[in-house]
């Protein structure tokens, strides 16, 4: 099964500022996610995951019942806890976004 990959507005802005190698890596991860939702490390829940690139992480949410993945954030290990907390606080907003697409 092939899954659709979406981005939050915030992630799209971040993507535009990434270095070339980071953008290429994100592109490869998108291809992986289209085939296998459960690549990456789970963060407290099966539907919330991260992939590591050097000292940075890509954070994404899985919506298996909708066959969709939402790329949410990309940041340093230093900002990891702040990013995770923000995503968990806003998970309902992200769910509504995915349902509206």
PDB file of N, CA and C in Angstrom:
ATOM      1  N   UNK A   1       0.842  -1.189   0.000  1.00  0.00           N
ATOM      2  CA  UNK A   1       0.000   0.000   0.000  1.00  0.00           C
ATOM      3  C   UNK A   1       0.884   1.248   0.000  1.00  0.00           C
ATOM      4  N   UNK A   2       0.464   2.234  -0.755  1.00  0.00           N
ATOM      5  CA  UNK A   2       1.206   3.501  -0.821  1.00  0.00           C
ATOM      6  C   UNK A   2       0.462   4.536   0.026  1.00  0.00           C
ATOM      7  N   UNK A   3       1.214   5.246   0.847  1.00  0.00           N
ATOM      8  CA  UNK A   3       0.647   6.251   1.743  1.00  0.00           C
ATOM      9  C   UNK A   3       0.960   7.642   1.225  1.00  0.00           C
ATOM     10  N   UNK A   4       0.052   8.576   1.491  1.00  0.00           N
ATOM     11  CA  UNK A   4       0.248   9.968   1.079  1.00  0.00           C
ATOM     12  C   UNK A   4       1.012  10.715   2.165  1.00  0.00           C
ATOM     13  N   UNK A   5       1.941  11.561   1.734  1.00  0.00           N
ATOM     14  CA  UNK A   5       2.771  12.336   2.658  1.00  0.00           C
ATOM     15  C   UNK A   5       2.366  13.804   2.555  1.00  0.00           C
ATOM     16  N   UNK A   6       2.077  14.420   3.697  1.00  0.00           N
ATOM     17  CA  UNK A   6       1.706  15.830   3.758  1.00  0.00           C
ATOM     18  C   UNK A   6       2.632  16.550   4.724  1.00  0.00           C
ATOM     19  N   UNK A   7       2.637  17.862   4.639  1.00  0.00           N
ATOM     20  CA  UNK A   7       3.465  18.690   5.518  1.00  0.00           C
ATOM     21  C   UNK A   7       2.603  19.774   6.157  1.00  0.00           C
ATOM     22  N   UNK A   8       2.955  20.143   7.373  1.00  0.00           N
ATOM     23  CA  UNK A   8       2.322  21.312   7.968  1.00  0.00           C
ATOM     24  C   UNK A   8       2.931  22.548   7.296  1.00  0.00           C
ATOM     25  N   UNK A   9       2.256  23.666   7.421  1.00  0.00           N
ATOM     26  CA  UNK A   9       2.814  24.925   6.890  1.00  0.00           C
ATOM     27  C   UNK A   9       4.168  25.218   7.529  1.00  0.00           C
ATOM     28  N   UNK A  10       4.236  24.986   8.823  1.00  0.00           N
ATOM     29  CA  UNK A  10       5.480  25.221   9.558  1.00  0.00           C
ATOM     30  C   UNK A  10       6.608  24.371   8.980  1.00  0.00           C
ATOM     31  N   UNK A  11       6.327  23.094   8.739  1.00  0.00           N
ATOM     32  CA  UNK A  11       7.358  22.229   8.184  1.00  0.00           C
ATOM     33  C   UNK A  11       7.776  22.699   6.797  1.00  0.00           C
ATOM     34  N   UNK A  12       6.834  23.133   5.993  1.00  0.00           N
ATOM     35  CA  UNK A  12       7.164  23.613   4.640  1.00  0.00           C
ATOM     36  C   UNK A  12       8.104  24.810   4.697  1.00  0.00           C
ATOM     37  N   UNK A  13       7.873  25.707   5.659  1.00  0.00           N
ATOM     38  CA  UNK A  13       8.768  26.863   5.822  1.00  0.00           C
ATOM     39  C   UNK A  13      10.154  26.411   6.279  1.00  0.00           C
ATOM     40  N   UNK A  14      10.183  25.467   7.204  1.00  0.00           N
ATOM     41  CA  UNK A  14      11.465  24.920   7.673  1.00  0.00           C
ATOM     42  C   UNK A  14      12.221  24.265   6.522  1.00  0.00           C
ATOM     43  N   UNK A  15      11.500  23.505   5.715  1.00  0.00           N
ATOM     44  CA  UNK A  15      12.103  22.786   4.593  1.00  0.00           C
ATOM     45  C   UNK A  15      12.811  23.756   3.652  1.00  0.00           C
ATOM     46  N   UNK A  16      12.196  24.904   3.417  1.00  0.00           N
ATOM     47  CA  UNK A  16      12.772  25.904   2.515  1.00  0.00           C
ATOM     48  C   UNK A  16      14.097  26.454   3.046  1.00  0.00           C
ATOM     49  N   UNK A  17      14.310  26.392   4.348  1.00  0.00           N
ATOM     50  CA  UNK A  17      15.534  26.929   4.946  1.00  0.00           C
ATOM     51  C   UNK A  17      16.603  25.863   5.200  1.00  0.00           C
ATOM     52  N   UNK A  18      16.257  24.605   4.940  1.00  0.00           N
ATOM     53  CA  UNK A  18      17.218  23.521   5.191  1.00  0.00           C
ATOM     54  C   UNK A  18      18.363  23.562   4.192  1.00  0.00           C
ATOM     55  N   UNK A  19      19.471  22.977   4.609  1.00  0.00           N
ATOM     56  CA  UNK A  19      20.605  22.832   3.703  1.00  0.00           C
ATOM     57  C   UNK A  19      20.271  21.766   2.666  1.00  0.00           C
ATOM     58  N   UNK A  20      20.992  21.785   1.566  1.00  0.00           N
ATOM     59  CA  UNK A  20      20.711  20.882   0.452  1.00  0.00           C
ATOM     60  C   UNK A  20      20.717  19.409   0.881  1.00  0.00           C
ATOM     61  N   UNK A  21      21.726  19.003   1.660  1.00  0.00           N
ATOM     62  CA  UNK A  21      21.798  17.598   2.066  1.00  0.00           C
ATOM     63  C   UNK A  21      20.630  17.208   2.970  1.00  0.00           C
ATOM     64  N   UNK A  22      20.148  18.147   3.788  1.00  0.00           N
ATOM     65  CA  UNK A  22      18.987  17.878   4.641  1.00  0.00           C
ATOM     66  C   UNK A  22      17.730  17.699   3.793  1.00  0.00           C
ATOM     67  N   UNK A  23      17.562  18.555   2.793  1.00  0.00           N
ATOM     68  CA  UNK A  23      16.392  18.442   1.905  1.00  0.00           C
ATOM     69  C   UNK A  23      16.416  17.119   1.138  1.00  0.00           C
ATOM     70  N   UNK A  24      17.594  16.727   0.675  1.00  0.00           N
ATOM     71  CA  UNK A  24      17.717  15.447  -0.039  1.00  0.00           C
ATOM     72  C   UNK A  24      17.364  14.285   0.880  1.00  0.00           C
ATOM     73  N   UNK A  25      17.840  14.354   2.113  1.00  0.00           N
ATOM     74  CA  UNK A  25      17.539  13.303   3.085  1.00  0.00           C
ATOM     75  C   UNK A  25      16.036  13.236   3.358  1.00  0.00           C
ATOM     76  N   UNK A  26      15.391  14.380   3.543  1.00  0.00           N
ATOM     77  CA  UNK A  26      13.935  14.404   3.773  1.00  0.00           C
ATOM     78  C   UNK A  26      13.212  13.775   2.575  1.00  0.00           C
ATOM     79  N   UNK A  27      13.677  14.056   1.375  1.00  0.00           N
ATOM     80  CA  UNK A  27      13.082  13.453   0.186  1.00  0.00           C
ATOM     81  C   UNK A  27      13.173  11.933   0.222  1.00  0.00           C
ATOM     82  N   UNK A  28      14.297  11.402   0.661  1.00  0.00           N
ATOM     83  CA  UNK A  28      14.463   9.947   0.773  1.00  0.00           C
ATOM     84  C   UNK A  28      13.529   9.373   1.841  1.00  0.00           C
ATOM     85  N   UNK A  29      13.377  10.096   2.940  1.00  0.00           N
ATOM     86  CA  UNK A  29      12.488   9.632   4.013  1.00  0.00           C
ATOM     87  C   UNK A  29      11.044   9.623   3.519  1.00  0.00           C
ATOM     88  N   UNK A  30      10.653  10.619   2.749  1.00  0.00           N
ATOM     89  CA  UNK A  30       9.295  10.637   2.183  1.00  0.00           C
ATOM     90  C   UNK A  30       9.051   9.382   1.352  1.00  0.00           C
ATOM     91  N   UNK A  31      10.030   8.999   0.549  1.00  0.00           N
ATOM     92  CA  UNK A  31       9.892   7.782  -0.263  1.00  0.00           C
ATOM     93  C   UNK A  31       9.762   6.545   0.621  1.00  0.00           C
ATOM     94  N   UNK A  32      10.547   6.481   1.684  1.00  0.00           N
ATOM     95  CA  UNK A  32      10.454   5.351   2.620  1.00  0.00           C
ATOM     96  C   UNK A  32       9.074   5.284   3.256  1.00  0.00           C
ATOM     97  N   UNK A  33       8.574   6.447   3.695  1.00  0.00           N
ATOM     98  CA  UNK A  33       7.283   6.487   4.380  1.00  0.00           C
ATOM     99  C   UNK A  33       6.126   6.100   3.468  1.00  0.00           C
ATOM    100  N   UNK A  34       6.242   6.366   2.192  1.00  0.00           N
ATOM    101  CA  UNK A  34       5.178   5.981   1.258  1.00  0.00           C
ATOM    102  C   UNK A  34       4.977   4.471   1.262  1.00  0.00           C
ATOM    103  N   UNK A  35       6.049   3.718   1.505  1.00  0.00           N
ATOM    104  CA  UNK A  35       5.990   2.260   1.486  1.00  0.00           C
ATOM    105  C   UNK A  35       5.854   1.648   2.886  1.00  0.00           C
ATOM    106  N   UNK A  36       6.469   2.280   3.886  1.00  0.00           N
ATOM    107  CA  UNK A  36       6.493   1.719   5.237  1.00  0.00           C
ATOM    108  C   UNK A  36       6.289   2.830   6.261  1.00  0.00           C
ATOM    109  N   UNK A  37       5.092   2.901   6.792  1.00  0.00           N
ATOM    110  CA  UNK A  37       4.769   3.943   7.772  1.00  0.00           C
ATOM    111  C   UNK A  37       5.617   3.863   9.032  1.00  0.00           C
ATOM    112  N   UNK A  38       5.997   2.664   9.397  1.00  0.00           N
ATOM    113  CA  UNK A  38       6.594   2.472  10.712  1.00  0.00           C
ATOM    114  C   UNK A  38       8.111   2.462  10.703  1.00  0.00           C
ATOM    115  N   UNK A  39       8.701   3.161   9.756  1.00  0.00           N
ATOM    116  CA  UNK A  39      10.139   3.380   9.792  1.00  0.00           C
ATOM    117  C   UNK A  39      10.374   4.464  10.844  1.00  0.00           C
ATOM    118  N   UNK A  40      11.512   4.497  11.425  1.00  0.00           N
ATOM    119  CA  UNK A  40      11.779   5.517  12.448  1.00  0.00           C
ATOM    120  C   UNK A  40      11.479   5.020  13.845  1.00  0.00           C
ATOM    121  N   UNK A  41      11.837   5.849  14.801  1.00  0.00           N
ATOM    122  CA  UNK A  41      11.711   5.509  16.224  1.00  0.00           C
ATOM    123  C   UNK A  41      10.394   6.057  16.781  1.00  0.00           C
ATOM    124  N   UNK A  42       9.589   5.210  17.436  1.00  0.00           N
ATOM    125  CA  UNK A  42       8.352   5.704  18.046  1.00  0.00           C
ATOM    126  C   UNK A  42       8.662   6.611  19.243  1.00  0.00           C
ATOM    127  N   UNK A  43       7.851   7.640  19.402  1.00  0.00           N
ATOM    128  CA  UNK A  43       7.976   8.573  20.521  1.00  0.00           C
ATOM    129  C   UNK A  43       6.706   8.487  21.367  1.00  0.00           C
ATOM    130  N   UNK A  44       6.724   7.632  22.365  1.00  0.00           N
ATOM    131  CA  UNK A  44       5.613   7.411  23.290  1.00  0.00           C
ATOM    132  C   UNK A  44       4.438   6.674  22.676  1.00  0.00           C
ATOM    133  N   UNK A  45       4.155   6.878  21.396  1.00  0.00           N
ATOM    134  CA  UNK A  45       3.022   6.265  20.714  1.00  0.00           C
ATOM    135  C   UNK A  45       3.485   5.712  19.366  1.00  0.00           C
ATOM    136  N   UNK A  46       2.791   4.690  18.871  1.00  0.00           N
ATOM    137  CA  UNK A  46       3.134   4.134  17.561  1.00  0.00           C
ATOM    138  C   UNK A  46       2.921   5.158  16.443  1.00  0.00           C
ATOM    139  N   UNK A  47       1.999   6.078  16.624  1.00  0.00           N
ATOM    140  CA  UNK A  47       1.633   7.039  15.570  1.00  0.00           C
ATOM    141  C   UNK A  47       2.494   8.305  15.586  1.00  0.00           C
ATOM    142  N   UNK A  48       3.391   8.431  16.519  1.00  0.00           N
ATOM    143  CA  UNK A  48       4.262   9.603  16.623  1.00  0.00           C
ATOM    144  C   UNK A  48       5.703   9.114  16.562  1.00  0.00           C
ATOM    145  N   UNK A  49       6.444   9.544  15.527  1.00  0.00           N
ATOM    146  CA  UNK A  49       7.775   8.996  15.282  1.00  0.00           C
ATOM    147  C   UNK A  49       8.784  10.065  14.892  1.00  0.00           C
ATOM    148  N   UNK A  50      10.045   9.657  14.940  1.00  0.00           N
ATOM    149  CA  UNK A  50      11.127  10.523  14.507  1.00  0.00           C
ATOM    150  C   UNK A  50      12.137   9.717  13.713  1.00  0.00           C
ATOM    151  N   UNK A  51      12.840  10.411  12.826  1.00  0.00           N
ATOM    152  CA  UNK A  51      13.986   9.854  12.103  1.00  0.00           C
ATOM    153  C   UNK A  51      15.145  10.793  12.374  1.00  0.00           C
ATOM    154  N   UNK A  52      16.315  10.213  12.584  1.00  0.00           N
ATOM    155  CA  UNK A  52      17.489  10.993  12.965  1.00  0.00           C
ATOM    156  C   UNK A  52      18.384  11.250  11.747  1.00  0.00           C
ATOM    157  N   UNK A  53      18.850  12.493  11.660  1.00  0.00           N
ATOM    158  CA  UNK A  53      19.811  12.890  10.628  1.00  0.00           C
ATOM    159  C   UNK A  53      20.900  13.705  11.323  1.00  0.00           C
ATOM    160  N   UNK A  54      22.038  13.076  11.592  1.00  0.00           N
ATOM    161  CA  UNK A  54      23.094  13.763  12.341  1.00  0.00           C
ATOM    162  C   UNK A  54      22.587  14.122  13.725  1.00  0.00           C
ATOM    163  N   UNK A  55      22.682  15.392  14.080  1.00  0.00           N
ATOM    164  CA  UNK A  55      22.185  15.831  15.387  1.00  0.00           C
ATOM    165  C   UNK A  55      20.779  16.415  15.293  1.00  0.00           C
ATOM    166  N   UNK A  56      20.091  16.200  14.175  1.00  0.00           N
ATOM    167  CA  UNK A  56      18.734  16.722  13.989  1.00  0.00           C
ATOM    168  C   UNK A  56      17.750  15.574  13.840  1.00  0.00           C
ATOM    169  N   UNK A  57      16.487  15.912  14.023  1.00  0.00           N
ATOM    170  CA  UNK A  57      15.422  14.917  13.931  1.00  0.00           C
ATOM    171  C   UNK A  57      14.261  15.435  13.108  1.00  0.00           C
ATOM    172  N   UNK A  58      13.662  14.506  12.367  1.00  0.00           N
ATOM    173  CA  UNK A  58      12.439  14.765  11.611  1.00  0.00           C
ATOM    174  C   UNK A  58      11.304  14.134  12.401  1.00  0.00           C
ATOM    175  N   UNK A  59      10.270  14.914  12.701  1.00  0.00           N
ATOM    176  CA  UNK A  59       9.133  14.434  13.490  1.00  0.00           C
ATOM    177  C   UNK A  59       7.911  14.327  12.589  1.00  0.00           C
ATOM    178  N   UNK A  60       7.204  13.201  12.716  1.00  0.00           N
ATOM    179  CA  UNK A  60       6.021  13.019  11.880  1.00  0.00           C
ATOM    180  C   UNK A  60       4.958  12.215  12.613  1.00  0.00           C
ATOM    181  N   UNK A  61       3.731  12.366  12.138  1.00  0.00           N
ATOM    182  CA  UNK A  61       2.575  11.683  12.709  1.00  0.00           C
ATOM    183  C   UNK A  61       1.991  10.751  11.662  1.00  0.00           C
ATOM    184  N   UNK A  62       1.573   9.568  12.100  1.00  0.00           N
ATOM    185  CA  UNK A  62       1.003   8.569  11.205  1.00  0.00           C
ATOM    186  C   UNK A  62      -0.507   8.499  11.426  1.00  0.00           C
ATOM    187  N   UNK A  63      -1.251   8.549  10.329  1.00  0.00           N
ATOM    188  CA  UNK A  63      -2.705   8.405  10.361  1.00  0.00           C
ATOM    189  C   UNK A  63      -3.049   7.208   9.477  1.00  0.00           C
ATOM    190  N   UNK A  64      -2.873   6.017  10.045  1.00  0.00           N
ATOM    191  CA  UNK A  64      -3.020   4.783   9.278  1.00  0.00           C
ATOM    192  C   UNK A  64      -4.421   4.615   8.703  1.00  0.00           C
ATOM    193  N   UNK A  65      -5.449   4.989   9.465  1.00  0.00           N
ATOM    194  CA  UNK A  65      -6.819   4.828   8.976  1.00  0.00           C
ATOM    195  C   UNK A  65      -7.133   5.761   7.801  1.00  0.00           C
ATOM    196  N   UNK A  66      -6.319   6.783   7.592  1.00  0.00           N
ATOM    197  CA  UNK A  66      -6.479   7.700   6.455  1.00  0.00           C
ATOM    198  C   UNK A  66      -5.412   7.454   5.378  1.00  0.00           C
ATOM    199  N   UNK A  67      -4.479   6.526   5.649  1.00  0.00           N
ATOM    200  CA  UNK A  67      -3.341   6.251   4.744  1.00  0.00           C
ATOM    201  C   UNK A  67      -2.515   7.509   4.491  1.00  0.00           C
ATOM    202  N   UNK A  68      -2.272   8.273   5.564  1.00  0.00           N
ATOM    203  CA  UNK A  68      -1.544   9.532   5.439  1.00  0.00           C
ATOM    204  C   UNK A  68      -0.487   9.671   6.523  1.00  0.00           C
ATOM    205  N   UNK A  69       0.553  10.428   6.175  1.00  0.00           N
ATOM    206  CA  UNK A  69       1.620  10.787   7.111  1.00  0.00           C
ATOM    207  C   UNK A  69       1.738  12.305   7.076  1.00  0.00           C
ATOM    208  N   UNK A  70       1.908  12.917   8.240  1.00  0.00           N
ATOM    209  CA  UNK A  70       2.055  14.366   8.327  1.00  0.00           C
ATOM    210  C   UNK A  70       3.433  14.696   8.884  1.00  0.00           C
ATOM    211  N   UNK A  71       4.265  15.340   8.062  1.00  0.00           N
ATOM    212  CA  UNK A  71       5.568  15.814   8.519  1.00  0.00           C
ATOM    213  C   UNK A  71       5.323  17.100   9.297  1.00  0.00           C
ATOM    214  N   UNK A  72       5.794  17.119  10.542  1.00  0.00           N
ATOM    215  CA  UNK A  72       5.440  18.215  11.441  1.00  0.00           C
ATOM    216  C   UNK A  72       6.606  19.138  11.747  1.00  0.00           C
ATOM    217  N   UNK A  73       7.782  18.580  12.037  1.00  0.00           N
ATOM    218  CA  UNK A  73       8.893  19.430  12.473  1.00  0.00           C
ATOM    219  C   UNK A  73      10.234  18.783  12.149  1.00  0.00           C
ATOM    220  N   UNK A  74      11.271  19.620  12.184  1.00  0.00           N
ATOM    221  CA  UNK A  74      12.655  19.189  11.992  1.00  0.00           C
ATOM    222  C   UNK A  74      13.483  20.081  12.892  1.00  0.00           C
ATOM    223  N   UNK A  75      14.231  19.476  13.802  1.00  0.00           N
ATOM    224  CA  UNK A  75      15.002  20.307  14.714  1.00  0.00           C
ATOM    225  C   UNK A  75      16.136  19.554  15.366  1.00  0.00           C
ATOM    226  N   UNK A  76      16.912  20.283  16.144  1.00  0.00           N
ATOM    227  CA  UNK A  76      18.090  19.723  16.798  1.00  0.00           C
ATOM    228  C   UNK A  76      17.702  18.871  18.001  1.00  0.00           C
ATOM    229  N   UNK A  77      18.631  18.038  18.406  1.00  0.00           N
ATOM    230  CA  UNK A  77      18.455  17.223  19.604  1.00  0.00           C
ATOM    231  C   UNK A  77      18.193  18.112  20.813  1.00  0.00           C
ATOM    232  N   UNK A  78      18.829  19.263  20.827  1.00  0.00           N
ATOM    233  CA  UNK A  78      18.677  20.206  21.943  1.00  0.00           C
ATOM    234  C   UNK A  78      17.224  20.661  22.104  1.00  0.00           C
ATOM    235  N   UNK A  79      16.524  20.819  20.992  1.00  0.00           N
ATOM    236  CA  UNK A  79      15.137  21.299  21.025  1.00  0.00           C
ATOM    237  C   UNK A  79      14.127  20.152  21.065  1.00  0.00           C
ATOM    238  N   UNK A  80      14.606  18.927  21.144  1.00  0.00           N
ATOM    239  CA  UNK A  80      13.747  17.756  21.034  1.00  0.00           C
ATOM    240  C   UNK A  80      12.556  17.766  21.988  1.00  0.00           C
ATOM    241  N   UNK A  81      12.783  17.976  23.265  1.00  0.00           N
ATOM    242  CA  UNK A  81      11.683  17.905  24.234  1.00  0.00           C
ATOM    243  C   UNK A  81      10.647  18.996  23.997  1.00  0.00           C
ATOM    244  N   UNK A  82      11.099  20.170  23.650  1.00  0.00           N
ATOM    245  CA  UNK A  82      10.184  21.283  23.366  1.00  0.00           C
ATOM    246  C   UNK A  82       9.317  20.952  22.136  1.00  0.00           C
ATOM    247  N   UNK A  83       9.928  20.394  21.109  1.00  0.00           N
ATOM    248  CA  UNK A  83       9.201  20.038  19.889  1.00  0.00           C
ATOM    249  C   UNK A  83       8.186  18.939  20.186  1.00  0.00           C
ATOM    250  N   UNK A  84       8.611  17.898  20.893  1.00  0.00           N
ATOM    251  CA  UNK A  84       7.713  16.790  21.229  1.00  0.00           C
ATOM    252  C   UNK A  84       6.519  17.293  22.032  1.00  0.00           C
ATOM    253  N   UNK A  85       6.759  18.109  23.023  1.00  0.00           N
ATOM    254  CA  UNK A  85       5.674  18.645  23.847  1.00  0.00           C
ATOM    255  C   UNK A  85       4.694  19.453  23.011  1.00  0.00           C
ATOM    256  N   UNK A  86       5.208  20.285  22.129  1.00  0.00           N
ATOM    257  CA  UNK A  86       4.352  21.108  21.276  1.00  0.00           C
ATOM    258  C   UNK A  86       3.478  20.231  20.375  1.00  0.00           C
ATOM    259  N   UNK A  87       4.071  19.223  19.781  1.00  0.00           N
ATOM    260  CA  UNK A  87       3.312  18.344  18.881  1.00  0.00           C
ATOM    261  C   UNK A  87       2.212  17.618  19.649  1.00  0.00           C
ATOM    262  N   UNK A  88       2.531  17.094  20.816  1.00  0.00           N
ATOM    263  CA  UNK A  88       1.520  16.383  21.604  1.00  0.00           C
ATOM    264  C   UNK A  88       0.394  17.314  22.055  1.00  0.00           C
ATOM    265  N   UNK A  89       0.726  18.551  22.400  1.00  0.00           N
ATOM    266  CA  UNK A  89      -0.300  19.518  22.794  1.00  0.00           C
ATOM    267  C   UNK A  89      -1.230  19.867  21.638  1.00  0.00           C
ATOM    268  N   UNK A  90      -0.738  19.756  20.409  1.00  0.00           N
ATOM    269  CA  UNK A  90      -1.508  20.157  19.228  1.00  0.00           C
ATOM    270  C   UNK A  90      -1.954  18.979  18.364  1.00  0.00           C
ATOM    271  N   UNK A  91      -1.930  17.775  18.901  1.00  0.00           N
ATOM    272  CA  UNK A  91      -2.240  16.591  18.094  1.00  0.00           C
ATOM    273  C   UNK A  91      -3.654  16.622  17.520  1.00  0.00           C
ATOM    274  N   UNK A  92      -4.609  17.190  18.239  1.00  0.00           N
ATOM    275  CA  UNK A  92      -5.982  17.267  17.711  1.00  0.00           C
ATOM    276  C   UNK A  92      -6.065  18.221  16.521  1.00  0.00           C
ATOM    277  N   UNK A  93      -5.315  19.300  16.578  1.00  0.00           N
ATOM    278  CA  UNK A  93      -5.268  20.242  15.457  1.00  0.00           C
ATOM    279  C   UNK A  93      -4.694  19.568  14.212  1.00  0.00           C
ATOM    280  N   UNK A  94      -3.649  18.774  14.404  1.00  0.00           N
ATOM    281  CA  UNK A  94      -3.050  18.056  13.283  1.00  0.00           C
ATOM    282  C   UNK A  94      -4.017  17.019  12.713  1.00  0.00           C
ATOM    283  N   UNK A  95      -4.758  16.363  13.590  1.00  0.00           N
ATOM    284  CA  UNK A  95      -5.735  15.369  13.138  1.00  0.00           C
ATOM    285  C   UNK A  95      -6.808  16.035  12.272  1.00  0.00           C
ATOM    286  N   UNK A  96      -7.292  17.178  12.703  1.00  0.00           N
ATOM    287  CA  UNK A  96      -8.303  17.915  11.911  1.00  0.00           C
ATOM    288  C   UNK A  96      -7.737  18.329  10.559  1.00  0.00           C
ATOM    289  N   UNK A  97      -6.465  18.744  10.542  1.00  0.00           N
ATOM    290  CA  UNK A  97      -5.816  19.118   9.298  1.00  0.00           C
ATOM    291  C   UNK A  97      -5.789  17.928   8.325  1.00  0.00           C
ATOM    292  N   UNK A  98      -5.380  16.763   8.815  1.00  0.00           N
ATOM    293  CA  UNK A  98      -5.312  15.567   7.963  1.00  0.00           C
ATOM    294  C   UNK A  98      -6.707  15.185   7.471  1.00  0.00           C
ATOM    295  N   UNK A  99      -7.697  15.285   8.326  1.00  0.00           N
ATOM    296  CA  UNK A  99      -9.063  14.918   7.921  1.00  0.00           C
ATOM    297  C   UNK A  99      -9.627  15.873   6.885  1.00  0.00           C
ATOM    298  N   UNK A 100      -9.130  17.098   6.862  1.00  0.00           N
ATOM    299  CA  UNK A 100      -9.634  18.089   5.912  1.00  0.00           C
ATOM    300  C   UNK A 100      -8.944  18.010   4.538  1.00  0.00           C
ATOM    301  N   UNK A 101      -7.878  17.235   4.458  1.00  0.00           N
ATOM    302  CA  UNK A 101      -7.135  17.125   3.186  1.00  0.00           C
ATOM    303  C   UNK A 101      -7.745  16.024   2.343  1.00  0.00           C
TER     304      UNK A 101
END
